[in-house]
């Protein structure tokens, strides 16, 4: 089992066109890299990007490295900036909007090596880095 992982060498899913343009995702560590109980994602979202309410089958910690988001868990919201994190319980609906004028860079740590994503209606969504449409995400021009 590997013990050392470079974020820069993790494959990047960079969406530059279409409804999810402005999303850059790296799965740094997960079940495929040998983890038994954790996953680490690194993401960058452009200003205005919206991640609507969704949930996971495990806990998640989102840590903001650069930029700012307005995070919502259930009915509570917070401004989360560099050096700040939020803890999201398993099954809780949560989402965020990038409120900084530039992109946000963040880390998402999951208490599962294979986190699953569920839309607000409870149906499962699959992310683009897994070959899915990730239709739980919405670009600013698609909001109405």
N, C-alpha and C. Protein backbone atom coordinates (compact mmCIF):
# COMPACT_ATOMS: atom_id res chain seq x y z
N UNK A 1 0.84 -1.19 0.00
CA UNK A 1 0.00 0.00 0.00
C UNK A 1 0.88 1.25 0.00
N UNK A 2 0.54 2.19 -0.85
CA UNK A 2 1.25 3.46 -0.87
C UNK A 2 0.90 4.27 0.36
N UNK A 3 1.81 5.12 0.78
CA UNK A 3 1.57 5.99 1.92
C UNK A 3 1.74 7.47 1.57
N UNK A 4 2.37 7.75 0.44
CA UNK A 4 2.65 9.13 0.06
C UNK A 4 1.95 9.44 -1.25
N UNK A 5 1.22 10.56 -1.29
CA UNK A 5 0.44 10.92 -2.47
C UNK A 5 0.70 12.39 -2.82
N UNK A 6 0.96 12.66 -4.08
CA UNK A 6 1.14 14.01 -4.58
C UNK A 6 -0.16 14.48 -5.20
N UNK A 7 -0.69 15.60 -4.71
CA UNK A 7 -1.91 16.13 -5.30
C UNK A 7 -1.70 16.44 -6.78
N UNK A 8 -0.53 16.97 -7.11
CA UNK A 8 -0.24 17.37 -8.49
C UNK A 8 -0.23 16.19 -9.45
N UNK A 9 0.06 14.99 -8.96
CA UNK A 9 0.10 13.85 -9.86
C UNK A 9 -1.23 13.07 -9.91
N UNK A 10 -2.21 13.49 -9.12
CA UNK A 10 -3.54 12.87 -9.19
C UNK A 10 -4.21 13.32 -10.48
N UNK A 11 -4.90 12.42 -11.18
CA UNK A 11 -5.57 12.81 -12.42
C UNK A 11 -6.57 13.94 -12.17
N UNK A 12 -6.60 14.90 -13.09
CA UNK A 12 -7.52 16.02 -12.94
C UNK A 12 -8.67 15.89 -13.92
N UNK A 13 -9.86 16.11 -13.43
CA UNK A 13 -11.04 16.22 -14.29
C UNK A 13 -11.26 17.72 -14.45
N UNK A 14 -10.93 18.25 -15.60
CA UNK A 14 -11.02 19.68 -15.86
C UNK A 14 -12.10 19.92 -16.89
N UNK A 15 -13.18 20.52 -16.46
CA UNK A 15 -14.30 20.77 -17.36
C UNK A 15 -14.24 22.21 -17.83
N UNK A 16 -13.93 22.41 -19.10
CA UNK A 16 -13.77 23.74 -19.65
C UNK A 16 -14.92 24.13 -20.56
N UNK A 17 -15.80 23.19 -20.85
CA UNK A 17 -16.94 23.47 -21.73
C UNK A 17 -18.18 22.84 -21.13
N UNK A 18 -19.33 23.27 -21.61
CA UNK A 18 -20.58 22.67 -21.19
C UNK A 18 -21.09 23.20 -19.87
N UNK A 19 -22.11 22.55 -19.33
CA UNK A 19 -22.80 23.08 -18.15
C UNK A 19 -21.96 23.10 -16.88
N UNK A 20 -20.88 22.36 -16.83
CA UNK A 20 -20.05 22.33 -15.62
C UNK A 20 -18.70 22.99 -15.81
N UNK A 21 -18.57 23.82 -16.85
CA UNK A 21 -17.30 24.52 -17.08
C UNK A 21 -16.91 25.29 -15.83
N UNK A 22 -15.66 25.21 -15.48
CA UNK A 22 -15.17 25.91 -14.30
C UNK A 22 -14.93 25.00 -13.12
N UNK A 23 -15.15 23.71 -13.28
CA UNK A 23 -14.90 22.74 -12.21
C UNK A 23 -13.60 22.00 -12.52
N UNK A 24 -12.72 21.95 -11.53
CA UNK A 24 -11.50 21.15 -11.62
C UNK A 24 -11.47 20.25 -10.39
N UNK A 25 -11.40 18.96 -10.63
CA UNK A 25 -11.48 17.98 -9.54
C UNK A 25 -10.31 17.01 -9.62
N UNK A 26 -9.75 16.69 -8.47
CA UNK A 26 -8.74 15.63 -8.34
C UNK A 26 -9.16 14.72 -7.21
N UNK A 27 -9.26 13.43 -7.48
CA UNK A 27 -9.41 12.45 -6.42
C UNK A 27 -7.99 12.08 -6.02
N UNK A 28 -7.56 12.55 -4.86
CA UNK A 28 -6.19 12.36 -4.41
C UNK A 28 -6.03 10.98 -3.79
N UNK A 29 -6.95 10.61 -2.90
CA UNK A 29 -6.91 9.31 -2.22
C UNK A 29 -8.33 8.79 -2.12
N UNK A 30 -8.51 7.50 -2.42
CA UNK A 30 -9.80 6.83 -2.23
C UNK A 30 -9.58 5.33 -2.25
N UNK A 31 -10.63 4.56 -2.39
CA UNK A 31 -10.51 3.09 -2.35
C UNK A 31 -9.57 2.57 -3.44
N UNK A 32 -9.58 3.22 -4.61
CA UNK A 32 -8.73 2.75 -5.71
C UNK A 32 -7.25 2.92 -5.41
N UNK A 33 -6.92 3.85 -4.53
CA UNK A 33 -5.51 4.04 -4.18
C UNK A 33 -5.12 3.28 -2.91
N UNK A 34 -6.04 2.48 -2.39
CA UNK A 34 -5.74 1.63 -1.25
C UNK A 34 -6.32 2.06 0.08
N UNK A 35 -7.03 3.17 0.12
CA UNK A 35 -7.63 3.62 1.37
C UNK A 35 -8.77 2.69 1.77
N UNK A 36 -8.89 2.43 3.06
CA UNK A 36 -9.95 1.55 3.56
C UNK A 36 -11.15 2.34 4.07
N UNK A 37 -10.93 3.57 4.56
CA UNK A 37 -12.03 4.26 5.22
C UNK A 37 -12.08 5.77 4.96
N UNK A 38 -11.22 6.30 4.08
CA UNK A 38 -11.18 7.74 3.83
C UNK A 38 -11.03 8.02 2.34
N UNK A 39 -11.49 9.21 1.95
CA UNK A 39 -11.25 9.71 0.59
C UNK A 39 -10.92 11.20 0.71
N UNK A 40 -10.02 11.66 -0.15
CA UNK A 40 -9.64 13.06 -0.19
C UNK A 40 -9.77 13.57 -1.61
N UNK A 41 -10.58 14.63 -1.77
CA UNK A 41 -10.74 15.29 -3.06
C UNK A 41 -10.18 16.69 -2.96
N UNK A 42 -9.60 17.17 -4.05
CA UNK A 42 -9.17 18.57 -4.18
C UNK A 42 -9.98 19.16 -5.32
N UNK A 43 -10.61 20.30 -5.07
CA UNK A 43 -11.45 20.91 -6.11
C UNK A 43 -11.20 22.40 -6.23
N UNK A 44 -11.47 22.89 -7.43
CA UNK A 44 -11.48 24.32 -7.71
C UNK A 44 -12.76 24.60 -8.46
N UNK A 45 -13.48 25.63 -8.00
CA UNK A 45 -14.73 26.05 -8.65
C UNK A 45 -14.62 27.54 -8.95
N UNK A 46 -15.12 27.95 -10.11
CA UNK A 46 -15.04 29.36 -10.48
C UNK A 46 -16.04 30.17 -9.67
N UNK A 47 -15.85 31.48 -9.66
CA UNK A 47 -16.75 32.39 -8.96
C UNK A 47 -18.18 32.19 -9.43
N UNK A 48 -19.12 32.14 -8.50
CA UNK A 48 -20.53 31.96 -8.83
C UNK A 48 -20.97 30.52 -8.95
N UNK A 49 -20.03 29.57 -8.97
CA UNK A 49 -20.39 28.15 -9.10
C UNK A 49 -21.28 27.75 -7.94
N UNK A 50 -22.32 26.98 -8.23
CA UNK A 50 -23.28 26.54 -7.23
C UNK A 50 -23.27 25.03 -7.13
N UNK A 51 -23.11 24.53 -5.93
CA UNK A 51 -23.27 23.11 -5.64
C UNK A 51 -24.56 23.01 -4.83
N UNK A 52 -25.67 22.63 -5.47
CA UNK A 52 -26.97 22.60 -4.79
C UNK A 52 -27.04 21.52 -3.71
N UNK A 53 -28.08 21.55 -2.90
CA UNK A 53 -28.21 20.57 -1.82
C UNK A 53 -28.09 19.13 -2.32
N UNK A 54 -27.25 18.39 -1.63
CA UNK A 54 -27.03 16.97 -1.90
C UNK A 54 -26.54 16.36 -0.61
N UNK A 55 -26.39 15.06 -0.57
CA UNK A 55 -25.88 14.41 0.64
C UNK A 55 -24.94 13.28 0.26
N UNK A 56 -24.29 12.74 1.27
CA UNK A 56 -23.38 11.61 1.10
C UNK A 56 -23.73 10.55 2.14
N UNK A 57 -23.26 9.36 1.92
CA UNK A 57 -23.50 8.26 2.85
C UNK A 57 -22.42 8.19 3.93
N UNK A 58 -21.70 9.29 4.13
CA UNK A 58 -20.60 9.35 5.09
C UNK A 58 -20.41 10.81 5.50
N UNK A 59 -19.60 11.02 6.53
CA UNK A 59 -19.27 12.38 6.93
C UNK A 59 -18.35 13.02 5.90
N UNK A 60 -18.41 14.35 5.83
CA UNK A 60 -17.53 15.11 4.94
C UNK A 60 -17.02 16.33 5.69
N UNK A 61 -15.77 16.64 5.48
CA UNK A 61 -15.19 17.91 5.94
C UNK A 61 -14.78 18.67 4.69
N UNK A 62 -15.23 19.90 4.58
CA UNK A 62 -14.78 20.79 3.50
C UNK A 62 -13.88 21.84 4.12
N UNK A 63 -12.65 21.95 3.62
CA UNK A 63 -11.68 22.94 4.09
C UNK A 63 -11.34 23.87 2.93
N UNK A 64 -11.56 25.15 3.13
CA UNK A 64 -11.28 26.14 2.09
C UNK A 64 -9.82 26.57 2.18
N UNK A 65 -9.12 26.48 1.05
CA UNK A 65 -7.72 26.90 0.97
C UNK A 65 -7.60 28.33 0.48
N UNK A 66 -8.34 28.68 -0.58
CA UNK A 66 -8.35 30.01 -1.19
C UNK A 66 -9.77 30.32 -1.62
N UNK A 67 -10.14 31.60 -1.58
CA UNK A 67 -11.46 32.01 -2.00
C UNK A 67 -12.46 31.91 -0.85
N UNK A 68 -13.73 31.96 -1.21
CA UNK A 68 -14.78 31.94 -0.19
C UNK A 68 -16.04 31.29 -0.73
N UNK A 69 -16.73 30.58 0.15
CA UNK A 69 -18.01 29.98 -0.20
C UNK A 69 -19.05 30.38 0.84
N UNK A 70 -20.30 30.28 0.45
CA UNK A 70 -21.43 30.37 1.38
C UNK A 70 -21.96 28.96 1.47
N UNK A 71 -21.65 28.27 2.58
CA UNK A 71 -22.02 26.87 2.75
C UNK A 71 -23.33 26.76 3.52
N UNK A 72 -24.16 25.80 3.13
CA UNK A 72 -25.43 25.55 3.80
C UNK A 72 -25.49 24.08 4.17
N UNK A 73 -25.85 23.83 5.42
CA UNK A 73 -26.15 22.47 5.90
C UNK A 73 -27.54 22.55 6.50
N UNK A 74 -28.48 21.84 5.91
CA UNK A 74 -29.86 21.94 6.36
C UNK A 74 -30.35 23.36 6.19
N UNK A 75 -30.78 24.01 7.28
CA UNK A 75 -31.28 25.38 7.22
C UNK A 75 -30.27 26.41 7.70
N UNK A 76 -29.04 25.98 8.04
CA UNK A 76 -28.02 26.89 8.52
C UNK A 76 -27.00 27.21 7.42
N UNK A 77 -26.53 28.46 7.39
CA UNK A 77 -25.53 28.88 6.40
C UNK A 77 -24.39 29.61 7.09
N UNK A 78 -23.19 29.50 6.49
CA UNK A 78 -22.00 30.17 6.98
C UNK A 78 -21.14 30.63 5.82
N UNK A 79 -20.41 31.72 6.03
CA UNK A 79 -19.36 32.13 5.13
C UNK A 79 -18.14 31.31 5.56
N UNK A 80 -17.48 30.68 4.61
CA UNK A 80 -16.31 29.85 4.91
C UNK A 80 -15.17 30.33 4.01
N UNK A 81 -14.12 30.80 4.64
CA UNK A 81 -12.98 31.34 3.89
C UNK A 81 -11.71 30.55 4.15
N UNK A 82 -10.58 31.06 3.68
CA UNK A 82 -9.31 30.36 3.83
C UNK A 82 -9.01 30.03 5.29
N UNK A 83 -8.58 28.81 5.51
CA UNK A 83 -8.23 28.38 6.85
C UNK A 83 -9.43 27.96 7.68
N UNK A 84 -10.61 27.85 7.06
CA UNK A 84 -11.82 27.45 7.77
C UNK A 84 -12.38 26.17 7.17
N UNK A 85 -13.07 25.40 8.00
CA UNK A 85 -13.64 24.13 7.58
C UNK A 85 -15.06 23.98 8.10
N UNK A 86 -15.83 23.12 7.46
CA UNK A 86 -17.15 22.75 7.96
C UNK A 86 -17.22 21.23 8.04
N UNK A 87 -17.95 20.74 9.03
CA UNK A 87 -18.17 19.31 9.22
C UNK A 87 -19.61 19.01 8.83
N UNK A 88 -19.79 18.08 7.90
CA UNK A 88 -21.12 17.74 7.39
C UNK A 88 -21.44 16.30 7.79
N UNK A 89 -22.47 16.12 8.62
CA UNK A 89 -22.84 14.76 9.04
C UNK A 89 -23.35 13.92 7.86
N UNK A 90 -23.15 12.63 7.94
CA UNK A 90 -23.65 11.70 6.91
C UNK A 90 -25.15 11.89 6.75
N UNK A 91 -25.61 11.95 5.51
CA UNK A 91 -27.03 12.04 5.21
C UNK A 91 -27.61 13.44 5.25
N UNK A 92 -26.87 14.45 5.75
CA UNK A 92 -27.40 15.82 5.81
C UNK A 92 -27.30 16.49 4.45
N UNK A 93 -28.39 17.13 4.03
CA UNK A 93 -28.36 17.91 2.79
C UNK A 93 -27.46 19.12 3.01
N UNK A 94 -26.59 19.35 2.03
CA UNK A 94 -25.67 20.47 2.10
C UNK A 94 -25.30 20.92 0.71
N UNK A 95 -24.78 22.12 0.59
CA UNK A 95 -24.32 22.66 -0.68
C UNK A 95 -23.58 23.94 -0.43
N UNK A 96 -23.11 24.57 -1.51
CA UNK A 96 -22.44 25.86 -1.36
C UNK A 96 -22.43 26.61 -2.66
N UNK A 97 -22.20 27.93 -2.54
CA UNK A 97 -22.01 28.79 -3.69
C UNK A 97 -20.69 29.52 -3.50
N UNK A 98 -19.93 29.63 -4.58
CA UNK A 98 -18.67 30.36 -4.53
C UNK A 98 -18.99 31.85 -4.53
N UNK A 99 -18.66 32.55 -3.45
CA UNK A 99 -18.99 33.96 -3.30
C UNK A 99 -17.80 34.88 -3.52
N UNK A 100 -16.60 34.33 -3.61
CA UNK A 100 -15.42 35.17 -3.86
C UNK A 100 -15.40 35.62 -5.31
N UNK A 101 -14.68 36.71 -5.58
CA UNK A 101 -14.61 37.22 -6.95
C UNK A 101 -13.77 36.32 -7.85
N UNK A 102 -12.92 35.51 -7.26
CA UNK A 102 -12.12 34.54 -8.01
C UNK A 102 -12.51 33.14 -7.62
N UNK A 103 -11.80 32.16 -8.13
CA UNK A 103 -12.15 30.78 -7.82
C UNK A 103 -11.90 30.42 -6.36
N UNK A 104 -12.55 29.36 -5.92
CA UNK A 104 -12.30 28.80 -4.60
C UNK A 104 -11.53 27.51 -4.80
N UNK A 105 -10.54 27.29 -3.95
CA UNK A 105 -9.82 26.01 -3.90
C UNK A 105 -10.13 25.40 -2.56
N UNK A 106 -10.51 24.11 -2.58
CA UNK A 106 -10.89 23.47 -1.33
C UNK A 106 -10.49 22.00 -1.33
N UNK A 107 -10.47 21.45 -0.13
CA UNK A 107 -10.27 20.02 0.06
C UNK A 107 -11.55 19.46 0.65
N UNK A 108 -11.95 18.28 0.21
CA UNK A 108 -13.09 17.57 0.78
C UNK A 108 -12.58 16.23 1.28
N UNK A 109 -12.76 15.98 2.55
CA UNK A 109 -12.32 14.74 3.18
C UNK A 109 -13.57 13.96 3.59
N UNK A 110 -13.64 12.70 3.18
CA UNK A 110 -14.80 11.86 3.45
C UNK A 110 -14.42 10.70 4.37
N UNK A 111 -15.37 10.27 5.21
CA UNK A 111 -15.14 9.14 6.11
C UNK A 111 -15.47 7.82 5.43
N UNK A 112 -15.40 7.79 4.12
CA UNK A 112 -15.58 6.58 3.32
C UNK A 112 -14.57 6.62 2.19
N UNK A 113 -14.01 5.48 1.84
CA UNK A 113 -13.07 5.44 0.72
C UNK A 113 -13.80 5.48 -0.62
N UNK A 114 -15.13 5.30 -0.59
CA UNK A 114 -15.96 5.35 -1.81
C UNK A 114 -17.23 6.15 -1.53
N UNK A 115 -17.10 7.48 -1.33
CA UNK A 115 -18.29 8.28 -1.00
C UNK A 115 -19.29 8.29 -2.14
N UNK A 116 -20.55 8.20 -1.79
CA UNK A 116 -21.63 8.27 -2.77
C UNK A 116 -22.32 9.62 -2.66
N UNK A 117 -22.87 10.10 -3.79
CA UNK A 117 -23.53 11.41 -3.85
C UNK A 117 -25.02 11.18 -4.13
N UNK A 118 -25.86 11.83 -3.33
CA UNK A 118 -27.31 11.71 -3.50
C UNK A 118 -27.91 13.09 -3.70
N UNK A 119 -28.78 13.21 -4.73
CA UNK A 119 -29.51 14.46 -4.97
C UNK A 119 -30.46 14.71 -3.80
N UNK A 120 -31.04 15.90 -3.77
CA UNK A 120 -31.98 16.26 -2.70
C UNK A 120 -33.18 15.32 -2.65
N UNK A 121 -33.55 14.73 -3.79
CA UNK A 121 -34.70 13.81 -3.81
C UNK A 121 -34.31 12.39 -3.39
N UNK A 122 -33.04 12.16 -3.04
CA UNK A 122 -32.59 10.86 -2.57
C UNK A 122 -32.04 9.94 -3.64
N UNK A 123 -32.17 10.31 -4.91
CA UNK A 123 -31.62 9.48 -5.98
C UNK A 123 -30.12 9.73 -6.10
N UNK A 124 -29.40 8.71 -6.53
CA UNK A 124 -27.94 8.81 -6.60
C UNK A 124 -27.49 9.54 -7.85
N UNK A 125 -26.45 10.35 -7.70
CA UNK A 125 -25.82 11.08 -8.81
C UNK A 125 -24.40 10.57 -8.95
N UNK A 126 -23.89 10.55 -10.16
CA UNK A 126 -22.51 10.13 -10.36
C UNK A 126 -21.71 11.29 -10.94
N UNK A 127 -20.52 11.53 -10.40
CA UNK A 127 -19.72 12.67 -10.84
C UNK A 127 -19.04 12.44 -12.18
N UNK A 128 -18.63 13.53 -12.86
CA UNK A 128 -18.00 13.40 -14.18
C UNK A 128 -16.70 12.62 -14.14
N UNK A 129 -15.96 12.68 -13.02
CA UNK A 129 -14.70 11.94 -12.95
C UNK A 129 -14.95 10.45 -12.80
N UNK A 130 -16.22 10.04 -12.65
CA UNK A 130 -16.61 8.63 -12.64
C UNK A 130 -17.43 8.29 -13.88
N UNK A 131 -17.45 9.19 -14.85
CA UNK A 131 -18.18 8.96 -16.09
C UNK A 131 -19.62 9.41 -16.07
N UNK A 132 -20.05 10.11 -15.01
CA UNK A 132 -21.43 10.56 -14.89
C UNK A 132 -21.60 12.00 -15.33
N UNK A 133 -22.83 12.45 -15.29
CA UNK A 133 -23.16 13.81 -15.71
C UNK A 133 -23.06 14.80 -14.55
N UNK A 134 -23.01 14.30 -13.32
CA UNK A 134 -22.94 15.14 -12.12
C UNK A 134 -24.02 16.21 -12.17
N UNK A 135 -25.25 15.80 -12.46
CA UNK A 135 -26.32 16.76 -12.63
C UNK A 135 -26.83 17.33 -11.31
N UNK A 136 -26.16 17.00 -10.19
CA UNK A 136 -26.49 17.68 -8.94
C UNK A 136 -25.77 19.03 -8.86
N UNK A 137 -24.89 19.32 -9.82
CA UNK A 137 -24.18 20.59 -9.88
C UNK A 137 -24.84 21.51 -10.89
N UNK A 138 -24.78 22.81 -10.63
CA UNK A 138 -25.42 23.78 -11.51
C UNK A 138 -24.48 24.96 -11.71
N UNK A 139 -24.24 25.32 -12.96
CA UNK A 139 -23.46 26.51 -13.26
C UNK A 139 -24.36 27.73 -13.10
N UNK A 140 -23.78 28.92 -12.87
CA UNK A 140 -24.59 30.12 -12.62
C UNK A 140 -25.63 30.41 -13.70
N UNK A 141 -25.28 30.26 -14.97
CA UNK A 141 -26.22 30.60 -16.03
C UNK A 141 -27.37 29.59 -16.14
N UNK A 142 -27.27 28.44 -15.45
CA UNK A 142 -28.34 27.45 -15.50
C UNK A 142 -29.35 27.65 -14.38
N UNK A 143 -29.00 28.49 -13.38
CA UNK A 143 -29.94 28.74 -12.28
C UNK A 143 -31.08 29.60 -12.78
N UNK A 144 -32.25 29.35 -12.26
CA UNK A 144 -33.40 30.16 -12.65
C UNK A 144 -34.23 30.49 -11.44
